[in-house]
Amino acid sequence: MQLNPARTRGLIQAMTFSRVLFPSSKRALRQLAEGTVLAQACGLDPAEAFDENDLYAAMDALSGHWVATEKQL
């Protein structure tokens, strides 16, 4: 499955913020964040659903980009 870059970024932001706000599994993130202010703050459409497969696909999009990402942070 191919995700668009904006959605991928939003899903990764949601995963990152959720680790700080309410540490949980990827599966629980869907239940906690889907359609909420957190999802909206990360640029995700509140009407659009996502699941743990979407989250894992977004993480896969980072493969090979970790070093550059860490340097930017």
N, C-alpha and C. Protein backbone atom coordinates (compact mmCIF):
# COMPACT_ATOMS: atom_id res chain seq x y z
N MET A 1 0.84 -1.17 0.00
CA MET A 1 0.00 0.00 0.00
C MET A 1 0.89 1.24 0.00
N GLN A 2 0.54 2.21 -0.79
CA GLN A 2 1.31 3.44 -0.90
C GLN A 2 0.56 4.58 -0.22
N LEU A 3 1.19 5.24 0.70
CA LEU A 3 0.58 6.38 1.38
C LEU A 3 1.14 7.66 0.80
N ASN A 4 0.31 8.69 0.78
CA ASN A 4 0.83 9.97 0.30
C ASN A 4 1.73 10.58 1.36
N PRO A 5 2.68 11.40 0.96
CA PRO A 5 3.65 11.95 1.92
C PRO A 5 3.03 12.74 3.07
N ALA A 6 1.99 13.52 2.82
CA ALA A 6 1.38 14.31 3.90
C ALA A 6 0.72 13.38 4.92
N ARG A 7 0.05 12.35 4.45
CA ARG A 7 -0.60 11.41 5.36
C ARG A 7 0.46 10.62 6.14
N THR A 8 1.51 10.22 5.46
CA THR A 8 2.60 9.50 6.12
C THR A 8 3.18 10.34 7.24
N ARG A 9 3.45 11.60 6.95
CA ARG A 9 3.99 12.53 7.95
C ARG A 9 3.01 12.67 9.12
N GLY A 10 1.72 12.79 8.83
CA GLY A 10 0.72 12.91 9.88
C GLY A 10 0.65 11.68 10.77
N LEU A 11 0.73 10.51 10.16
CA LEU A 11 0.68 9.28 10.94
C LEU A 11 1.91 9.14 11.84
N ILE A 12 3.06 9.51 11.31
CA ILE A 12 4.29 9.44 12.10
C ILE A 12 4.25 10.45 13.24
N GLN A 13 3.74 11.65 12.97
CA GLN A 13 3.60 12.65 14.04
C GLN A 13 2.64 12.14 15.11
N ALA A 14 1.53 11.55 14.70
CA ALA A 14 0.56 11.03 15.67
C ALA A 14 1.20 9.94 16.54
N MET A 15 1.99 9.06 15.93
CA MET A 15 2.66 8.02 16.70
C MET A 15 3.65 8.63 17.69
N THR A 16 4.38 9.64 17.25
CA THR A 16 5.37 10.28 18.11
C THR A 16 4.70 10.98 19.29
N PHE A 17 3.70 11.80 18.99
CA PHE A 17 3.00 12.52 20.06
C PHE A 17 2.30 11.56 21.01
N SER A 18 1.75 10.48 20.47
CA SER A 18 1.02 9.55 21.33
C SER A 18 1.94 8.87 22.34
N ARG A 19 3.19 8.67 21.97
CA ARG A 19 4.15 8.06 22.91
C ARG A 19 4.33 8.94 24.14
N VAL A 20 4.24 10.24 23.94
CA VAL A 20 4.40 11.18 25.06
C VAL A 20 3.08 11.34 25.82
N LEU A 21 1.99 11.52 25.08
CA LEU A 21 0.70 11.82 25.70
C LEU A 21 0.01 10.62 26.32
N PHE A 22 -0.02 9.51 25.60
CA PHE A 22 -0.66 8.30 26.11
C PHE A 22 0.01 7.08 25.50
N PRO A 23 1.15 6.69 26.10
CA PRO A 23 1.89 5.55 25.57
C PRO A 23 0.99 4.32 25.42
N SER A 24 1.01 3.78 24.21
CA SER A 24 0.16 2.63 23.93
C SER A 24 0.66 1.93 22.68
N SER A 25 -0.02 0.87 22.34
CA SER A 25 0.33 0.12 21.13
C SER A 25 -0.17 0.86 19.90
N LYS A 26 0.29 0.44 18.74
CA LYS A 26 -0.19 1.03 17.49
C LYS A 26 -1.69 0.79 17.34
N ARG A 27 -2.12 -0.38 17.74
CA ARG A 27 -3.54 -0.72 17.65
C ARG A 27 -4.37 0.21 18.54
N ALA A 28 -3.90 0.48 19.74
CA ALA A 28 -4.62 1.36 20.64
C ALA A 28 -4.60 2.81 20.15
N LEU A 29 -3.53 3.19 19.46
CA LEU A 29 -3.44 4.56 18.94
C LEU A 29 -4.62 4.85 18.03
N ARG A 30 -4.98 3.90 17.21
CA ARG A 30 -6.12 4.10 16.32
C ARG A 30 -7.36 4.44 17.12
N GLN A 31 -7.60 3.73 18.18
CA GLN A 31 -8.78 3.97 19.01
C GLN A 31 -8.68 5.29 19.76
N LEU A 32 -7.48 5.66 20.18
CA LEU A 32 -7.30 6.88 20.97
C LEU A 32 -7.22 8.15 20.13
N ALA A 33 -6.73 8.06 18.90
CA ALA A 33 -6.44 9.26 18.13
C ALA A 33 -7.34 9.49 16.93
N GLU A 34 -7.88 8.44 16.36
CA GLU A 34 -8.67 8.58 15.13
C GLU A 34 -9.83 9.55 15.35
N GLY A 35 -9.88 10.58 14.52
CA GLY A 35 -10.95 11.56 14.59
C GLY A 35 -10.85 12.55 15.74
N THR A 36 -9.71 12.61 16.44
CA THR A 36 -9.56 13.51 17.58
C THR A 36 -8.75 14.75 17.20
N VAL A 37 -8.59 15.62 18.17
CA VAL A 37 -7.78 16.82 17.97
C VAL A 37 -6.33 16.43 17.67
N LEU A 38 -5.83 15.36 18.29
CA LEU A 38 -4.47 14.90 18.00
C LEU A 38 -4.32 14.58 16.53
N ALA A 39 -5.26 13.83 15.98
CA ALA A 39 -5.20 13.48 14.56
C ALA A 39 -5.26 14.74 13.70
N GLN A 40 -6.14 15.66 14.04
CA GLN A 40 -6.26 16.90 13.28
C GLN A 40 -5.00 17.74 13.38
N ALA A 41 -4.39 17.80 14.56
CA ALA A 41 -3.15 18.56 14.75
C ALA A 41 -2.02 18.00 13.92
N CYS A 42 -2.10 16.71 13.62
CA CYS A 42 -1.06 16.06 12.81
C CYS A 42 -1.40 16.10 11.33
N GLY A 43 -2.48 16.79 10.97
CA GLY A 43 -2.84 16.95 9.57
C GLY A 43 -3.63 15.79 8.99
N LEU A 44 -4.16 14.94 9.85
CA LEU A 44 -4.96 13.81 9.37
C LEU A 44 -6.41 14.23 9.27
N ASP A 45 -7.07 13.78 8.23
CA ASP A 45 -8.48 14.07 8.01
C ASP A 45 -9.30 13.36 9.09
N PRO A 46 -10.10 14.09 9.85
CA PRO A 46 -10.86 13.46 10.93
C PRO A 46 -11.86 12.42 10.44
N ALA A 47 -12.28 12.53 9.18
CA ALA A 47 -13.24 11.57 8.64
C ALA A 47 -12.57 10.32 8.08
N GLU A 48 -11.25 10.36 7.94
CA GLU A 48 -10.52 9.23 7.35
C GLU A 48 -10.03 8.28 8.44
N ALA A 49 -10.30 7.02 8.24
CA ALA A 49 -9.88 6.00 9.20
C ALA A 49 -8.44 5.56 8.91
N PHE A 50 -7.78 5.07 9.94
CA PHE A 50 -6.48 4.43 9.77
C PHE A 50 -6.39 3.29 10.76
N ASP A 51 -5.53 2.34 10.45
CA ASP A 51 -5.35 1.20 11.35
C ASP A 51 -3.88 0.94 11.54
N GLU A 52 -3.56 -0.12 12.30
CA GLU A 52 -2.15 -0.39 12.59
C GLU A 52 -1.35 -0.69 11.34
N ASN A 53 -1.99 -1.23 10.29
CA ASN A 53 -1.27 -1.47 9.04
C ASN A 53 -0.84 -0.17 8.39
N ASP A 54 -1.69 0.86 8.47
CA ASP A 54 -1.32 2.18 7.95
C ASP A 54 -0.15 2.75 8.74
N LEU A 55 -0.16 2.55 10.05
CA LEU A 55 0.92 3.06 10.90
C LEU A 55 2.24 2.35 10.58
N TYR A 56 2.18 1.04 10.41
CA TYR A 56 3.40 0.30 10.06
C TYR A 56 3.90 0.70 8.67
N ALA A 57 2.99 0.94 7.73
CA ALA A 57 3.40 1.38 6.40
C ALA A 57 4.08 2.74 6.46
N ALA A 58 3.57 3.62 7.32
CA ALA A 58 4.19 4.94 7.48
C ALA A 58 5.59 4.79 8.06
N MET A 59 5.75 3.87 9.01
CA MET A 59 7.08 3.62 9.58
C MET A 59 8.02 3.05 8.53
N ASP A 60 7.51 2.20 7.65
CA ASP A 60 8.33 1.63 6.58
C ASP A 60 8.83 2.72 5.64
N ALA A 61 8.04 3.79 5.48
CA ALA A 61 8.45 4.89 4.60
C ALA A 61 9.70 5.58 5.12
N LEU A 62 10.00 5.43 6.41
CA LEU A 62 11.19 6.04 6.99
C LEU A 62 12.45 5.20 6.79
N SER A 63 12.28 3.98 6.34
CA SER A 63 13.44 3.10 6.14
C SER A 63 14.48 3.78 5.26
N GLY A 64 15.70 3.79 5.73
CA GLY A 64 16.79 4.40 4.98
C GLY A 64 16.91 5.90 5.20
N HIS A 65 16.00 6.48 5.98
CA HIS A 65 16.03 7.93 6.21
C HIS A 65 16.29 8.27 7.68
N TRP A 66 16.59 7.28 8.49
CA TRP A 66 16.76 7.51 9.92
C TRP A 66 17.89 8.49 10.25
N VAL A 67 19.02 8.31 9.60
CA VAL A 67 20.18 9.16 9.92
C VAL A 67 19.87 10.61 9.62
N ALA A 68 19.32 10.88 8.45
CA ALA A 68 18.99 12.26 8.08
C ALA A 68 17.93 12.84 9.03
N THR A 69 16.97 12.04 9.40
CA THR A 69 15.92 12.48 10.31
C THR A 69 16.50 12.83 11.68
N GLU A 70 17.37 11.96 12.19
CA GLU A 70 17.99 12.21 13.49
C GLU A 70 18.85 13.46 13.46
N LYS A 71 19.54 13.69 12.37
CA LYS A 71 20.38 14.90 12.25
C LYS A 71 19.51 16.15 12.25
N GLN A 72 18.36 16.11 11.59
CA GLN A 72 17.46 17.26 11.57
C GLN A 72 16.88 17.54 12.94
N LEU A 73 16.62 16.47 13.68
CA LEU A 73 16.06 16.67 15.03
C LEU A 73 17.11 17.24 15.96
